[in-house]
Amino acid sequence: MTKKLLTKEEVSEILGITVGTLAVWRTTKRYNLPYVKSGRLVRYREQDVQAFINSRIHGGQTSCSI
């Protein structure tokens, strides 16, 4: 079963942040947003991005999907 891997550009657009901010998060481990690194390529699993979004929801039973 193959899950879609997202580029850092796709994730930055989904989250509404810059690619640079994602890089800072990776290096400082500021947030628990797992990523896959192969050489210089960085990818994010779609389900990890969704779990990150869900973990940031406050104030209700809202569910969010990409």
C-alpha atoms as a PDB file:
ATOM      1  CA  MET A   1       0.000   0.000   0.000  1.00  0.00           C
ATOM      2  CA  THR A   2       1.619   3.236  -1.147  1.00  0.00           C
ATOM      3  CA  LYS A   3       0.774   6.488   0.569  1.00  0.00           C
ATOM      4  CA  LYS A   4       1.371   9.796  -1.148  1.00  0.00           C
ATOM      5  CA  LEU A   5       4.505  11.710  -0.227  1.00  0.00           C
ATOM      6  CA  LEU A   6       4.189  15.478  -0.328  1.00  0.00           C
ATOM      7  CA  THR A   7       6.936  17.925  -1.225  1.00  0.00           C
ATOM      8  CA  LYS A   8       7.943  20.676   1.162  1.00  0.00           C
ATOM      9  CA  GLU A   9       6.321  23.138  -1.254  1.00  0.00           C
ATOM     10  CA  GLU A  10       3.009  21.272  -1.101  1.00  0.00           C
ATOM     11  CA  VAL A  11       3.116  21.100   2.701  1.00  0.00           C
ATOM     12  CA  SER A  12       4.000  24.780   3.027  1.00  0.00           C
ATOM     13  CA  GLU A  13       0.980  25.637   0.886  1.00  0.00           C
ATOM     14  CA  ILE A  14      -1.321  23.337   2.873  1.00  0.00           C
ATOM     15  CA  LEU A  15      -0.166  24.816   6.182  1.00  0.00           C
ATOM     16  CA  GLY A  16       0.043  28.390   4.926  1.00  0.00           C
ATOM     17  CA  ILE A  17       3.693  28.819   5.892  1.00  0.00           C
ATOM     18  CA  THR A  18       6.908  29.267   3.941  1.00  0.00           C
ATOM     19  CA  VAL A  19       9.280  26.509   2.918  1.00  0.00           C
ATOM     20  CA  GLY A  20      11.860  28.272   5.077  1.00  0.00           C
ATOM     21  CA  THR A  21       9.634  27.941   8.136  1.00  0.00           C
ATOM     22  CA  LEU A  22       9.341  24.202   7.490  1.00  0.00           C
ATOM     23  CA  ALA A  23      13.149  24.017   7.344  1.00  0.00           C
ATOM     24  CA  VAL A  24      13.412  25.820  10.691  1.00  0.00           C
ATOM     25  CA  TRP A  25      10.880  23.417  12.221  1.00  0.00           C
ATOM     26  CA  ARG A  26      12.901  20.438  10.958  1.00  0.00           C
ATOM     27  CA  THR A  27      16.233  21.692  12.282  1.00  0.00           C
ATOM     28  CA  THR A  28      14.934  22.934  15.640  1.00  0.00           C
ATOM     29  CA  LYS A  29      12.416  20.096  16.091  1.00  0.00           C
ATOM     30  CA  ARG A  30       9.953  22.777  17.166  1.00  0.00           C
ATOM     31  CA  TYR A  31       6.899  20.750  16.127  1.00  0.00           C
ATOM     32  CA  ASN A  32       6.336  17.037  15.819  1.00  0.00           C
ATOM     33  CA  LEU A  33       5.907  16.906  12.044  1.00  0.00           C
ATOM     34  CA  PRO A  34       7.674  13.764  10.815  1.00  0.00           C
ATOM     35  CA  TYR A  35       9.406  13.834   7.455  1.00  0.00           C
ATOM     36  CA  VAL A  36      11.212  11.460   5.121  1.00  0.00           C
ATOM     37  CA  LYS A  37      14.711  12.387   3.994  1.00  0.00           C
ATOM     38  CA  SER A  38      16.480  10.719   1.103  1.00  0.00           C
ATOM     39  CA  GLY A  39      19.730  12.444   0.304  1.00  0.00           C
ATOM     40  CA  ARG A  40      18.831  16.114  -0.016  1.00  0.00           C
ATOM     41  CA  LEU A  41      15.163  15.455  -0.776  1.00  0.00           C
ATOM     42  CA  VAL A  42      12.610  16.047   1.968  1.00  0.00           C
ATOM     43  CA  ARG A  43       9.112  14.605   1.753  1.00  0.00           C
ATOM     44  CA  TYR A  44       6.186  14.420   4.147  1.00  0.00           C
ATOM     45  CA  ARG A  45       3.664  11.609   4.415  1.00  0.00           C
ATOM     46  CA  GLU A  46       0.172  12.873   3.752  1.00  0.00           C
ATOM     47  CA  GLN A  47      -1.193  11.158   6.872  1.00  0.00           C
ATOM     48  CA  ASP A  48       1.492  12.808   9.047  1.00  0.00           C
ATOM     49  CA  VAL A  49       0.550  16.257   7.753  1.00  0.00           C
ATOM     50  CA  GLN A  50      -3.111  15.496   8.459  1.00  0.00           C
ATOM     51  CA  ALA A  51      -2.278  14.253  11.972  1.00  0.00           C
ATOM     52  CA  PHE A  52      -0.271  17.440  12.592  1.00  0.00           C
ATOM     53  CA  ILE A  53      -3.225  19.586  11.521  1.00  0.00           C
ATOM     54  CA  ASN A  54      -5.621  17.573  13.685  1.00  0.00           C
ATOM     55  CA  SER A  55      -3.309  17.900  16.688  1.00  0.00           C
ATOM     56  CA  ARG A  56      -3.413  21.696  16.357  1.00  0.00           C
ATOM     57  CA  ILE A  57      -7.232  21.988  16.390  1.00  0.00           C
ATOM     58  CA  HIS A  58      -8.639  23.714  19.467  1.00  0.00           C
ATOM     59  CA  GLY A  59     -12.176  24.383  20.571  1.00  0.00           C
ATOM     60  CA  GLY A  60     -14.473  21.764  19.171  1.00  0.00           C
ATOM     61  CA  GLN A  61     -14.965  18.430  17.536  1.00  0.00           C
ATOM     62  CA  THR A  62     -14.078  19.668  14.062  1.00  0.00           C
ATOM     63  CA  SER A  63     -12.356  17.192  11.768  1.00  0.00           C
ATOM     64  CA  CYS A  64     -10.220  18.377   8.902  1.00  0.00           C
ATOM     65  CA  SER A  65      -8.953  16.583   5.824  1.00  0.00           C
ATOM     66  CA  ILE A  66      -6.515  17.535   3.117  1.00  0.00           C
END
